[in-house]
């Protein structure tokens, strides 16, 4: 059942990417939220290996991600509202990642992420205009997100924490492409790359339950 659902998610995601490539707004408006809704269903169907609390924190994060998807899909520019929705989603993810052993405070996993963030923001921030502060706040949350995901993997090294780590890396890739595409330069296949890595991240985080 779960494998079948993942195949359906792959199908609906592909239809969205095709709709974006062919400039078919109706396909985009239907299949973007539908894909994330199916990922929420995937999470709901999981039998938690960690705890019920972890499961519903992940599902709450996915619901806020769905809100972010919808804001970014609207014809009017709702980028700040979308960013805020994903910020809240990341906060719930971070809380979920600390379940069972508390926040991770070791520095080694954070240093490479800080180096990447500084270099990327050095390119990005001059282009963000009035959105510098929201972008900085979101970037900080993303740093903590991948830091805590790495810490959970370091402590537990089980299937769940492996999926979390993979999901967090894909999320960073997706957000990096999104930021570069919006503020610096967009490419023909930017949306396909953004959404494939984003939905891949969400699927990994869902099956981490």
N, C-alpha and C. Protein backbone atom coordinates (compact mmCIF):
# COMPACT_ATOMS: atom_id res chain seq x y z
N UNK A 1 0.83 -1.22 0.00
CA UNK A 1 0.00 0.00 0.00
C UNK A 1 0.86 1.26 0.00
N UNK A 2 1.88 1.29 0.88
CA UNK A 2 2.72 2.48 0.98
C UNK A 2 3.54 2.67 -0.29
N UNK A 3 4.05 1.56 -0.86
CA UNK A 3 4.82 1.65 -2.11
C UNK A 3 3.92 2.18 -3.22
N UNK A 4 2.69 1.68 -3.27
CA UNK A 4 1.73 2.14 -4.28
C UNK A 4 1.48 3.63 -4.13
N UNK A 5 1.34 4.11 -2.90
CA UNK A 5 1.09 5.52 -2.66
C UNK A 5 2.29 6.37 -3.10
N UNK A 6 3.49 5.87 -2.85
CA UNK A 6 4.69 6.60 -3.28
C UNK A 6 4.74 6.69 -4.81
N UNK A 7 4.32 5.63 -5.49
CA UNK A 7 4.25 5.66 -6.96
C UNK A 7 3.25 6.71 -7.43
N UNK A 8 2.10 6.79 -6.76
CA UNK A 8 1.09 7.81 -7.10
C UNK A 8 1.66 9.20 -6.87
N UNK A 9 2.39 9.39 -5.77
CA UNK A 9 3.02 10.69 -5.49
C UNK A 9 3.99 11.06 -6.61
N UNK A 10 4.77 10.08 -7.04
CA UNK A 10 5.71 10.32 -8.15
C UNK A 10 4.96 10.72 -9.41
N UNK A 11 3.82 10.08 -9.65
CA UNK A 11 3.01 10.39 -10.83
C UNK A 11 2.45 11.81 -10.77
N UNK A 12 1.84 12.18 -9.63
CA UNK A 12 1.24 13.52 -9.53
C UNK A 12 2.32 14.60 -9.56
N UNK A 13 3.48 14.31 -8.98
CA UNK A 13 4.58 15.27 -9.04
C UNK A 13 5.03 15.47 -10.49
N UNK A 14 5.08 14.39 -11.24
CA UNK A 14 5.50 14.47 -12.65
C UNK A 14 4.49 15.27 -13.47
N UNK A 15 3.21 15.10 -13.17
CA UNK A 15 2.18 15.87 -13.88
C UNK A 15 2.34 17.36 -13.58
N UNK A 16 2.64 17.70 -12.32
CA UNK A 16 2.87 19.11 -11.99
C UNK A 16 4.06 19.66 -12.78
N UNK A 17 5.16 18.93 -12.80
CA UNK A 17 6.36 19.39 -13.52
C UNK A 17 6.05 19.56 -15.00
N UNK A 18 5.30 18.62 -15.57
CA UNK A 18 4.90 18.72 -16.97
C UNK A 18 4.02 19.95 -17.20
N UNK A 19 3.07 20.18 -16.28
CA UNK A 19 2.20 21.35 -16.39
C UNK A 19 2.97 22.65 -16.32
N UNK A 20 3.99 22.68 -15.48
CA UNK A 20 4.83 23.89 -15.39
C UNK A 20 5.62 24.09 -16.66
N UNK A 21 6.18 23.01 -17.20
CA UNK A 21 6.98 23.09 -18.43
C UNK A 21 6.12 23.53 -19.62
N UNK A 22 4.87 23.03 -19.67
CA UNK A 22 3.98 23.35 -20.80
C UNK A 22 3.16 24.62 -20.56
N UNK A 23 3.40 25.28 -19.42
CA UNK A 23 2.66 26.50 -19.07
C UNK A 23 1.16 26.25 -19.00
N UNK A 24 0.79 25.18 -18.28
CA UNK A 24 -0.61 24.82 -18.09
C UNK A 24 -0.99 25.08 -16.64
N UNK A 25 -1.50 26.29 -16.30
CA UNK A 25 -1.77 26.64 -14.90
C UNK A 25 -2.74 25.69 -14.21
N UNK A 26 -3.73 25.18 -14.93
CA UNK A 26 -4.72 24.31 -14.29
C UNK A 26 -4.06 23.05 -13.73
N UNK A 27 -3.15 22.46 -14.50
CA UNK A 27 -2.44 21.28 -14.01
C UNK A 27 -1.62 21.62 -12.76
N UNK A 28 -0.99 22.80 -12.78
CA UNK A 28 -0.17 23.21 -11.64
C UNK A 28 -1.03 23.41 -10.40
N UNK A 29 -2.18 24.10 -10.55
CA UNK A 29 -3.04 24.39 -9.40
C UNK A 29 -3.62 23.13 -8.78
N UNK A 30 -3.81 22.09 -9.60
CA UNK A 30 -4.38 20.84 -9.08
C UNK A 30 -3.28 19.95 -8.47
N UNK A 31 -2.20 19.75 -9.21
CA UNK A 31 -1.27 18.68 -8.85
C UNK A 31 -0.19 19.10 -7.85
N UNK A 32 0.06 20.40 -7.70
CA UNK A 32 1.03 20.79 -6.67
C UNK A 32 0.48 20.52 -5.27
N UNK A 33 -0.71 21.08 -4.89
CA UNK A 33 -1.23 20.76 -3.56
C UNK A 33 -1.59 19.28 -3.41
N UNK A 34 -2.08 18.65 -4.50
CA UNK A 34 -2.46 17.24 -4.42
C UNK A 34 -1.25 16.38 -4.05
N UNK A 35 -0.10 16.67 -4.61
CA UNK A 35 1.10 15.88 -4.31
C UNK A 35 1.46 15.98 -2.83
N UNK A 36 1.43 17.20 -2.29
CA UNK A 36 1.75 17.36 -0.86
C UNK A 36 0.69 16.73 0.02
N UNK A 37 -0.58 16.81 -0.37
CA UNK A 37 -1.65 16.16 0.39
C UNK A 37 -1.42 14.65 0.42
N UNK A 38 -1.01 14.07 -0.69
CA UNK A 38 -0.74 12.63 -0.73
C UNK A 38 0.44 12.27 0.18
N UNK A 39 1.42 13.17 0.28
CA UNK A 39 2.55 12.92 1.18
C UNK A 39 2.07 12.98 2.64
N UNK A 40 1.12 13.87 2.93
CA UNK A 40 0.53 13.92 4.28
C UNK A 40 -0.20 12.59 4.57
N UNK A 41 -0.93 12.09 3.58
CA UNK A 41 -1.61 10.79 3.74
C UNK A 41 -0.58 9.69 3.99
N UNK A 42 0.55 9.74 3.26
CA UNK A 42 1.62 8.78 3.47
C UNK A 42 2.11 8.81 4.92
N UNK A 43 2.27 10.01 5.45
CA UNK A 43 2.70 10.15 6.85
C UNK A 43 1.65 9.60 7.81
N UNK A 44 0.39 9.89 7.53
CA UNK A 44 -0.69 9.42 8.40
C UNK A 44 -0.75 7.89 8.45
N UNK A 45 -0.40 7.23 7.35
CA UNK A 45 -0.48 5.77 7.28
C UNK A 45 0.71 5.07 7.94
N UNK A 46 1.75 5.84 8.29
CA UNK A 46 2.93 5.23 8.90
C UNK A 46 2.62 4.74 10.32
N UNK A 47 3.19 3.59 10.65
CA UNK A 47 3.15 3.10 12.03
C UNK A 47 4.43 3.59 12.72
N UNK A 48 4.29 4.49 13.69
CA UNK A 48 5.48 5.14 14.24
C UNK A 48 6.47 4.19 14.90
N UNK A 49 7.74 4.30 14.47
CA UNK A 49 8.82 3.55 15.11
C UNK A 49 9.37 4.33 16.29
N UNK A 50 9.14 5.64 16.31
CA UNK A 50 9.66 6.47 17.40
C UNK A 50 8.58 6.73 18.43
N UNK A 51 7.65 7.63 18.12
CA UNK A 51 6.57 7.92 19.05
C UNK A 51 5.42 8.58 18.29
N UNK A 52 4.24 8.56 18.89
CA UNK A 52 3.09 9.26 18.31
C UNK A 52 3.35 10.76 18.23
N UNK A 53 4.04 11.28 19.24
CA UNK A 53 4.37 12.72 19.24
C UNK A 53 5.19 13.08 18.02
N UNK A 54 6.22 12.28 17.74
CA UNK A 54 7.05 12.52 16.57
C UNK A 54 6.20 12.51 15.30
N UNK A 55 5.34 11.52 15.20
CA UNK A 55 4.50 11.39 14.01
C UNK A 55 3.67 12.64 13.78
N UNK A 56 3.01 13.14 14.82
CA UNK A 56 2.11 14.27 14.61
C UNK A 56 2.85 15.59 14.50
N UNK A 57 4.07 15.66 15.00
CA UNK A 57 4.90 16.84 14.73
C UNK A 57 5.28 16.89 13.25
N UNK A 58 5.64 15.73 12.68
CA UNK A 58 5.97 15.66 11.26
C UNK A 58 4.74 16.02 10.41
N UNK A 59 3.59 15.50 10.78
CA UNK A 59 2.36 15.78 10.02
C UNK A 59 2.01 17.26 10.10
N UNK A 60 2.17 17.86 11.27
CA UNK A 60 1.92 19.30 11.41
C UNK A 60 2.86 20.10 10.51
N UNK A 61 4.13 19.70 10.48
CA UNK A 61 5.09 20.36 9.59
C UNK A 61 4.66 20.23 8.13
N UNK A 62 4.15 19.07 7.76
CA UNK A 62 3.70 18.86 6.39
C UNK A 62 2.49 19.73 6.06
N UNK A 63 1.61 19.93 7.01
CA UNK A 63 0.43 20.78 6.79
C UNK A 63 0.87 22.22 6.54
N UNK A 64 1.84 22.72 7.33
CA UNK A 64 2.35 24.06 7.09
C UNK A 64 3.09 24.14 5.76
N UNK A 65 3.74 23.05 5.37
CA UNK A 65 4.38 23.02 4.06
C UNK A 65 3.34 23.12 2.95
N UNK A 66 2.21 22.45 3.13
CA UNK A 66 1.11 22.55 2.17
C UNK A 66 0.63 24.00 2.05
N UNK A 67 0.51 24.69 3.18
CA UNK A 67 0.14 26.10 3.14
C UNK A 67 1.16 26.91 2.36
N UNK A 68 2.45 26.61 2.59
CA UNK A 68 3.50 27.29 1.84
C UNK A 68 3.40 27.02 0.35
N UNK A 69 3.10 25.78 -0.01
CA UNK A 69 2.92 25.43 -1.43
C UNK A 69 1.83 26.28 -2.06
N UNK A 70 0.73 26.42 -1.35
CA UNK A 70 -0.41 27.16 -1.89
C UNK A 70 -0.07 28.64 -2.04
N UNK A 71 0.59 29.21 -1.04
CA UNK A 71 0.98 30.62 -1.13
C UNK A 71 1.90 30.87 -2.33
N UNK A 72 2.87 29.97 -2.54
CA UNK A 72 3.82 30.16 -3.65
C UNK A 72 3.18 29.88 -5.00
N UNK A 73 2.03 29.20 -4.99
CA UNK A 73 1.34 28.87 -6.23
C UNK A 73 0.42 29.99 -6.71
N UNK A 74 -0.01 30.85 -5.78
CA UNK A 74 -0.97 31.89 -6.12
C UNK A 74 -0.42 32.85 -7.18
N UNK A 75 -1.31 33.36 -8.05
CA UNK A 75 -0.84 34.27 -9.11
C UNK A 75 -0.29 35.59 -8.56
N UNK A 76 -0.82 36.06 -7.40
CA UNK A 76 -0.24 37.23 -6.75
C UNK A 76 0.96 36.80 -5.92
N UNK A 77 1.90 37.71 -5.72
CA UNK A 77 3.15 37.36 -5.04
C UNK A 77 2.92 37.22 -3.53
N UNK A 78 2.91 35.99 -3.06
CA UNK A 78 2.76 35.70 -1.63
C UNK A 78 4.01 35.01 -1.10
N UNK A 79 5.17 35.47 -1.58
CA UNK A 79 6.43 34.82 -1.22
C UNK A 79 6.68 34.90 0.28
N UNK A 80 6.42 36.06 0.89
CA UNK A 80 6.68 36.21 2.33
C UNK A 80 5.79 35.28 3.13
N UNK A 81 4.50 35.20 2.76
CA UNK A 81 3.59 34.29 3.46
C UNK A 81 4.02 32.83 3.27
N UNK A 82 4.49 32.49 2.05
CA UNK A 82 4.99 31.14 1.82
C UNK A 82 6.22 30.86 2.66
N UNK A 83 7.13 31.84 2.72
CA UNK A 83 8.35 31.69 3.51
C UNK A 83 8.01 31.50 4.99
N UNK A 84 7.03 32.27 5.48
CA UNK A 84 6.61 32.16 6.88
C UNK A 84 6.02 30.78 7.16
N UNK A 85 5.24 30.26 6.22
CA UNK A 85 4.65 28.92 6.40
C UNK A 85 5.73 27.85 6.48
N UNK A 86 6.72 27.94 5.61
CA UNK A 86 7.81 26.97 5.64
C UNK A 86 8.69 27.15 6.87
N UNK A 87 8.80 28.39 7.35
CA UNK A 87 9.54 28.62 8.59
C UNK A 87 8.89 27.88 9.76
N UNK A 88 7.57 27.99 9.86
CA UNK A 88 6.84 27.28 10.93
C UNK A 88 6.99 25.77 10.73
N UNK A 89 6.93 25.31 9.47
CA UNK A 89 7.12 23.88 9.20
C UNK A 89 8.48 23.42 9.71
N UNK A 90 9.51 24.20 9.46
CA UNK A 90 10.85 23.82 9.91
C UNK A 90 10.95 23.80 11.44
N UNK A 91 10.24 24.71 12.09
CA UNK A 91 10.24 24.71 13.56
C UNK A 91 9.65 23.40 14.08
N UNK A 92 8.56 22.96 13.47
CA UNK A 92 7.97 21.68 13.89
C UNK A 92 8.88 20.50 13.56
N UNK A 93 9.55 20.56 12.42
CA UNK A 93 10.52 19.51 12.10
C UNK A 93 11.64 19.47 13.13
N UNK A 94 12.16 20.63 13.49
CA UNK A 94 13.25 20.71 14.47
C UNK A 94 12.82 20.11 15.81
N UNK A 95 11.61 20.46 16.25
CA UNK A 95 11.09 19.91 17.51
C UNK A 95 10.98 18.38 17.40
N UNK A 96 10.51 17.91 16.24
CA UNK A 96 10.39 16.46 16.03
C UNK A 96 11.75 15.78 16.10
N UNK A 97 12.76 16.39 15.49
CA UNK A 97 14.09 15.77 15.44
C UNK A 97 14.71 15.62 16.83
N UNK A 98 14.30 16.47 17.76
CA UNK A 98 14.88 16.42 19.10
C UNK A 98 14.12 15.48 20.04
N UNK A 99 13.08 14.84 19.53
CA UNK A 99 12.32 13.92 20.37
C UNK A 99 13.18 12.73 20.79
N UNK A 100 13.16 12.42 22.08
CA UNK A 100 13.83 11.22 22.56
C UNK A 100 15.18 11.45 23.19
N UNK A 101 15.90 12.48 22.74
CA UNK A 101 17.21 12.71 23.36
C UNK A 101 17.53 14.19 23.55
N UNK A 102 16.61 15.08 23.18
CA UNK A 102 16.81 16.51 23.40
C UNK A 102 17.62 17.15 22.29
N UNK A 103 17.77 18.47 22.32
CA UNK A 103 18.51 19.17 21.27
C UNK A 103 19.96 18.70 21.19
N UNK A 104 20.48 18.73 19.98
CA UNK A 104 21.86 18.33 19.70
C UNK A 104 22.72 19.60 19.68
N UNK A 105 23.78 19.65 20.48
CA UNK A 105 24.58 20.87 20.61
C UNK A 105 26.02 20.72 20.13
N UNK A 106 26.40 19.55 19.61
CA UNK A 106 27.77 19.39 19.12
C UNK A 106 27.97 20.21 17.85
N UNK A 107 29.19 20.75 17.68
CA UNK A 107 29.45 21.70 16.59
C UNK A 107 29.94 21.10 15.27
N UNK A 108 30.60 19.94 15.23
CA UNK A 108 31.21 19.51 13.97
C UNK A 108 30.26 19.47 12.77
N UNK A 109 29.02 19.00 12.99
CA UNK A 109 28.08 18.92 11.87
C UNK A 109 27.59 20.30 11.43
N UNK A 110 27.70 21.29 12.30
CA UNK A 110 27.19 22.62 11.98
C UNK A 110 28.18 23.42 11.14
N UNK A 111 29.47 23.18 11.31
CA UNK A 111 30.48 24.01 10.65
C UNK A 111 30.36 23.97 9.11
N UNK A 112 30.25 22.78 8.47
CA UNK A 112 30.10 22.79 7.01
C UNK A 112 28.83 23.52 6.56
N UNK A 113 27.74 23.37 7.34
CA UNK A 113 26.49 24.04 7.00
C UNK A 113 26.65 25.56 7.09
N UNK A 114 27.38 26.04 8.10
CA UNK A 114 27.61 27.48 8.24
C UNK A 114 28.44 28.01 7.07
N UNK A 115 29.48 27.27 6.69
CA UNK A 115 30.32 27.69 5.56
C UNK A 115 29.47 27.80 4.28
N UNK A 116 28.64 26.77 4.04
CA UNK A 116 27.78 26.81 2.85
C UNK A 116 26.81 27.98 2.92
N UNK A 117 26.18 28.19 4.09
CA UNK A 117 25.20 29.25 4.24
C UNK A 117 25.83 30.63 4.02
N UNK A 118 27.01 30.85 4.57
CA UNK A 118 27.69 32.14 4.42
C UNK A 118 28.00 32.41 2.94
N UNK A 119 28.54 31.40 2.25
CA UNK A 119 28.87 31.58 0.84
C UNK A 119 27.62 31.81 -0.01
N UNK A 120 26.57 31.04 0.28
CA UNK A 120 25.34 31.18 -0.50
C UNK A 120 24.67 32.53 -0.24
N UNK A 121 24.59 32.94 1.03
CA UNK A 121 23.97 34.22 1.35
C UNK A 121 24.80 35.39 0.84
N UNK A 122 26.10 35.21 0.74
CA UNK A 122 26.96 36.26 0.17
C UNK A 122 26.55 36.54 -1.28
N UNK A 123 26.12 35.52 -1.99
CA UNK A 123 25.64 35.68 -3.36
C UNK A 123 24.19 36.18 -3.37
N UNK A 124 23.38 35.65 -2.46
CA UNK A 124 21.94 35.87 -2.50
C UNK A 124 21.49 37.21 -1.91
N UNK A 125 22.01 37.56 -0.73
CA UNK A 125 21.47 38.71 0.02
C UNK A 125 21.49 40.04 -0.75
N UNK A 126 22.54 40.34 -1.51
CA UNK A 126 22.50 41.62 -2.25
C UNK A 126 21.34 41.74 -3.22
N UNK A 127 20.73 40.60 -3.57
CA UNK A 127 19.63 40.60 -4.54
C UNK A 127 18.25 40.58 -3.87
N UNK A 128 18.19 40.46 -2.55
CA UNK A 128 16.90 40.23 -1.89
C UNK A 128 16.14 41.50 -1.53
N UNK A 129 16.78 42.66 -1.61
CA UNK A 129 16.09 43.92 -1.34
C UNK A 129 15.50 43.98 0.05
N UNK A 130 14.19 44.25 0.12
CA UNK A 130 13.50 44.38 1.41
C UNK A 130 13.29 43.04 2.12
N UNK A 131 13.61 41.96 1.45
CA UNK A 131 13.38 40.64 2.03
C UNK A 131 14.62 40.08 2.73
N UNK A 132 15.63 40.93 2.94
CA UNK A 132 16.86 40.45 3.58
C UNK A 132 16.60 39.79 4.93
N UNK A 133 15.82 40.46 5.79
CA UNK A 133 15.58 39.92 7.14
C UNK A 133 14.81 38.61 7.10
N UNK A 134 13.67 38.51 6.36
CA UNK A 134 12.98 37.22 6.29
C UNK A 134 13.87 36.09 5.75
N UNK A 135 14.68 36.40 4.75
CA UNK A 135 15.57 35.38 4.17
C UNK A 135 16.61 34.95 5.20
N UNK A 136 17.16 35.90 5.96
CA UNK A 136 18.14 35.56 7.00
C UNK A 136 17.53 34.70 8.09
N UNK A 137 16.32 35.06 8.54
CA UNK A 137 15.65 34.29 9.59
C UNK A 137 15.36 32.87 9.10
N UNK A 138 14.89 32.76 7.88
CA UNK A 138 14.59 31.43 7.32
C UNK A 138 15.88 30.61 7.18
N UNK A 139 16.94 31.26 6.75
CA UNK A 139 18.22 30.57 6.59
C UNK A 139 18.73 30.04 7.93
N UNK A 140 18.54 30.83 8.99
CA UNK A 140 18.94 30.39 10.33
C UNK A 140 18.15 29.15 10.74
N UNK A 141 16.85 29.17 10.48
CA UNK A 141 16.01 28.01 10.81
C UNK A 141 16.46 26.78 10.02
N UNK A 142 16.83 26.99 8.75
CA UNK A 142 17.28 25.88 7.91
C UNK A 142 18.60 25.31 8.43
N UNK A 143 19.48 26.18 8.93
CA UNK A 143 20.73 25.72 9.53
C UNK A 143 20.47 24.83 10.74
N UNK A 144 19.57 25.29 11.62
CA UNK A 144 19.24 24.50 12.82
C UNK A 144 18.57 23.19 12.42
N UNK A 145 17.74 23.26 11.40
CA UNK A 145 17.04 22.09 10.86
C UNK A 145 18.02 20.99 10.46
N UNK A 146 19.01 21.34 9.64
CA UNK A 146 19.96 20.31 9.18
C UNK A 146 20.91 19.91 10.30
N UNK A 147 21.21 20.83 11.21
CA UNK A 147 22.07 20.53 12.36
C UNK A 147 21.42 19.47 13.25
N UNK A 148 20.14 19.67 13.58
CA UNK A 148 19.45 18.71 14.44
C UNK A 148 19.20 17.38 13.72
N UNK A 149 18.97 17.44 12.41
CA UNK A 149 18.82 16.20 11.64
C UNK A 149 20.12 15.40 11.67
N UNK A 150 21.25 16.09 11.51
CA UNK A 150 22.56 15.44 11.55
C UNK A 150 22.83 14.86 12.94
N UNK A 151 22.45 15.61 13.98
CA UNK A 151 22.64 15.15 15.34
C UNK A 151 21.84 13.90 15.64
N UNK A 152 20.61 13.86 15.16
CA UNK A 152 19.78 12.67 15.40
C UNK A 152 20.41 11.45 14.72
N UNK A 153 20.92 11.67 13.50
CA UNK A 153 21.59 10.56 12.80
C UNK A 153 22.84 10.12 13.55
N UNK A 154 23.58 11.07 14.08
CA UNK A 154 24.82 10.76 14.82
C UNK A 154 24.51 9.90 16.05
N UNK A 155 23.44 10.24 16.77
CA UNK A 155 23.11 9.52 18.00
C UNK A 155 22.43 8.17 17.74
N UNK A 156 21.56 8.13 16.74
CA UNK A 156 20.73 6.94 16.57
C UNK A 156 21.18 6.04 15.43
N UNK A 157 21.57 6.62 14.28
CA UNK A 157 22.06 5.86 13.12
C UNK A 157 21.13 4.70 12.75
N UNK A 158 19.81 4.93 12.84
CA UNK A 158 18.85 3.91 12.44
C UNK A 158 18.20 4.31 11.12
N UNK A 159 17.25 3.49 10.66
CA UNK A 159 16.59 3.80 9.38
C UNK A 159 15.90 5.15 9.42
N UNK A 160 15.18 5.42 10.52
CA UNK A 160 14.44 6.67 10.64
C UNK A 160 15.37 7.89 10.55
N UNK A 161 16.46 7.87 11.29
CA UNK A 161 17.37 9.02 11.29
C UNK A 161 18.10 9.15 9.94
N UNK A 162 18.28 8.04 9.25
CA UNK A 162 18.88 8.09 7.91
C UNK A 162 17.94 8.80 6.94
N UNK A 163 16.64 8.46 7.01
CA UNK A 163 15.66 9.14 6.17
C UNK A 163 15.59 10.63 6.51
N UNK A 164 15.68 10.95 7.79
CA UNK A 164 15.67 12.36 8.21
C UNK A 164 16.85 13.10 7.61
N UNK A 165 18.03 12.50 7.67
CA UNK A 165 19.22 13.16 7.14
C UNK A 165 19.11 13.37 5.64
N UNK A 166 18.65 12.34 4.92
CA UNK A 166 18.47 12.46 3.47
C UNK A 166 17.45 13.55 3.14
N UNK A 167 16.33 13.55 3.89
CA UNK A 167 15.30 14.56 3.68
C UNK A 167 15.81 15.96 3.93
N UNK A 168 16.61 16.12 4.96
CA UNK A 168 17.11 17.46 5.29
C UNK A 168 18.07 17.97 4.22
N UNK A 169 18.92 17.09 3.69
CA UNK A 169 19.83 17.50 2.61
C UNK A 169 19.05 17.90 1.36
N UNK A 170 18.04 17.11 1.01
CA UNK A 170 17.22 17.45 -0.16
C UNK A 170 16.49 18.77 0.04
N UNK A 171 16.04 19.03 1.28
CA UNK A 171 15.36 20.29 1.57
C UNK A 171 16.30 21.48 1.35
N UNK A 172 17.54 21.35 1.80
CA UNK A 172 18.52 22.43 1.61
C UNK A 172 18.79 22.64 0.13
N UNK A 173 18.91 21.56 -0.63
CA UNK A 173 19.13 21.69 -2.07
C UNK A 173 17.96 22.41 -2.72
N UNK A 174 16.74 21.99 -2.36
CA UNK A 174 15.53 22.60 -2.94
C UNK A 174 15.45 24.09 -2.61
N UNK A 175 15.66 24.44 -1.34
CA UNK A 175 15.57 25.85 -0.94
C UNK A 175 16.68 26.68 -1.57
N UNK A 176 17.85 26.08 -1.76
CA UNK A 176 18.95 26.80 -2.40
C UNK A 176 18.61 27.14 -3.85
N UNK A 177 18.07 26.14 -4.57
CA UNK A 177 17.69 26.38 -5.96
C UNK A 177 16.56 27.41 -6.03
N UNK A 178 15.59 27.31 -5.11
CA UNK A 178 14.49 28.26 -5.08
C UNK A 178 15.00 29.68 -4.85
N UNK A 179 15.88 29.85 -3.85
CA UNK A 179 16.40 31.18 -3.56
C UNK A 179 17.18 31.75 -4.73
N UNK A 180 18.04 30.93 -5.33
CA UNK A 180 18.83 31.39 -6.47
C UNK A 180 17.93 31.73 -7.65
N UNK A 181 16.94 30.87 -7.89
CA UNK A 181 16.03 31.09 -9.02
C UNK A 181 15.21 32.36 -8.85
N UNK A 182 14.77 32.64 -7.63
CA UNK A 182 13.93 33.83 -7.40
C UNK A 182 14.74 35.12 -7.40
N UNK A 183 15.89 35.10 -6.78
CA UNK A 183 16.60 36.35 -6.54
C UNK A 183 17.79 36.61 -7.47
N UNK A 184 18.37 35.56 -8.02
CA UNK A 184 19.57 35.76 -8.85
C UNK A 184 19.27 35.48 -10.31
N UNK A 185 19.00 34.23 -10.65
CA UNK A 185 18.74 33.89 -12.04
C UNK A 185 17.94 32.61 -12.12
N UNK A 186 16.88 32.64 -12.92
CA UNK A 186 16.04 31.46 -13.09
C UNK A 186 16.42 30.72 -14.36
N UNK A 187 16.33 29.40 -14.30
CA UNK A 187 16.63 28.57 -15.47
C UNK A 187 15.38 27.80 -15.89
N UNK A 188 15.43 27.26 -17.09
CA UNK A 188 14.26 26.60 -17.67
C UNK A 188 13.73 25.48 -16.79
N UNK A 189 14.65 24.73 -16.18
CA UNK A 189 14.23 23.56 -15.41
C UNK A 189 14.32 23.81 -13.90
N UNK A 190 14.35 25.08 -13.50
CA UNK A 190 14.45 25.41 -12.08
C UNK A 190 13.32 24.80 -11.28
N UNK A 191 12.08 24.99 -11.73
CA UNK A 191 10.93 24.47 -10.99
C UNK A 191 10.97 22.95 -10.86
N UNK A 192 11.37 22.29 -11.92
CA UNK A 192 11.45 20.82 -11.87
C UNK A 192 12.45 20.38 -10.81
N UNK A 193 13.60 21.05 -10.74
CA UNK A 193 14.61 20.71 -9.74
C UNK A 193 14.14 21.06 -8.33
N UNK A 194 13.52 22.23 -8.18
CA UNK A 194 13.03 22.68 -6.86
C UNK A 194 12.01 21.68 -6.32
N UNK A 195 11.02 21.34 -7.14
CA UNK A 195 9.92 20.50 -6.65
C UNK A 195 10.33 19.04 -6.50
N UNK A 196 11.20 18.53 -7.38
CA UNK A 196 11.59 17.13 -7.25
C UNK A 196 12.40 16.90 -5.97
N UNK A 197 13.30 17.84 -5.65
CA UNK A 197 14.07 17.70 -4.41
C UNK A 197 13.19 17.99 -3.19
N UNK A 198 12.28 18.94 -3.32
CA UNK A 198 11.37 19.28 -2.20
C UNK A 198 10.46 18.11 -1.86
N UNK A 199 9.80 17.56 -2.86
CA UNK A 199 8.91 16.43 -2.58
C UNK A 199 9.68 15.19 -2.17
N UNK A 200 10.88 15.01 -2.72
CA UNK A 200 11.72 13.92 -2.26
C UNK A 200 12.04 14.06 -0.77
N UNK A 201 12.35 15.29 -0.36
CA UNK A 201 12.62 15.56 1.06
C UNK A 201 11.41 15.22 1.93
N UNK A 202 10.23 15.66 1.47
CA UNK A 202 9.03 15.43 2.27
C UNK A 202 8.68 13.94 2.36
N UNK A 203 8.93 13.22 1.28
CA UNK A 203 8.66 11.77 1.32
C UNK A 203 9.60 11.09 2.32
N UNK A 204 10.89 11.43 2.28
CA UNK A 204 11.84 10.85 3.22
C UNK A 204 11.44 11.19 4.67
N UNK A 205 11.03 12.44 4.91
CA UNK A 205 10.65 12.83 6.26
C UNK A 205 9.38 12.11 6.70
N UNK A 206 8.48 11.86 5.76
CA UNK A 206 7.24 11.12 6.08
C UNK A 206 7.53 9.67 6.44
N UNK A 207 8.41 9.02 5.68
CA UNK A 207 8.68 7.61 5.98
C UNK A 207 9.64 7.46 7.15
N UNK A 208 10.20 8.58 7.64
CA UNK A 208 11.03 8.50 8.85
C UNK A 208 10.20 8.21 10.09
N UNK A 209 8.89 8.37 9.98
CA UNK A 209 7.98 8.10 11.10
C UNK A 209 8.05 6.62 11.49
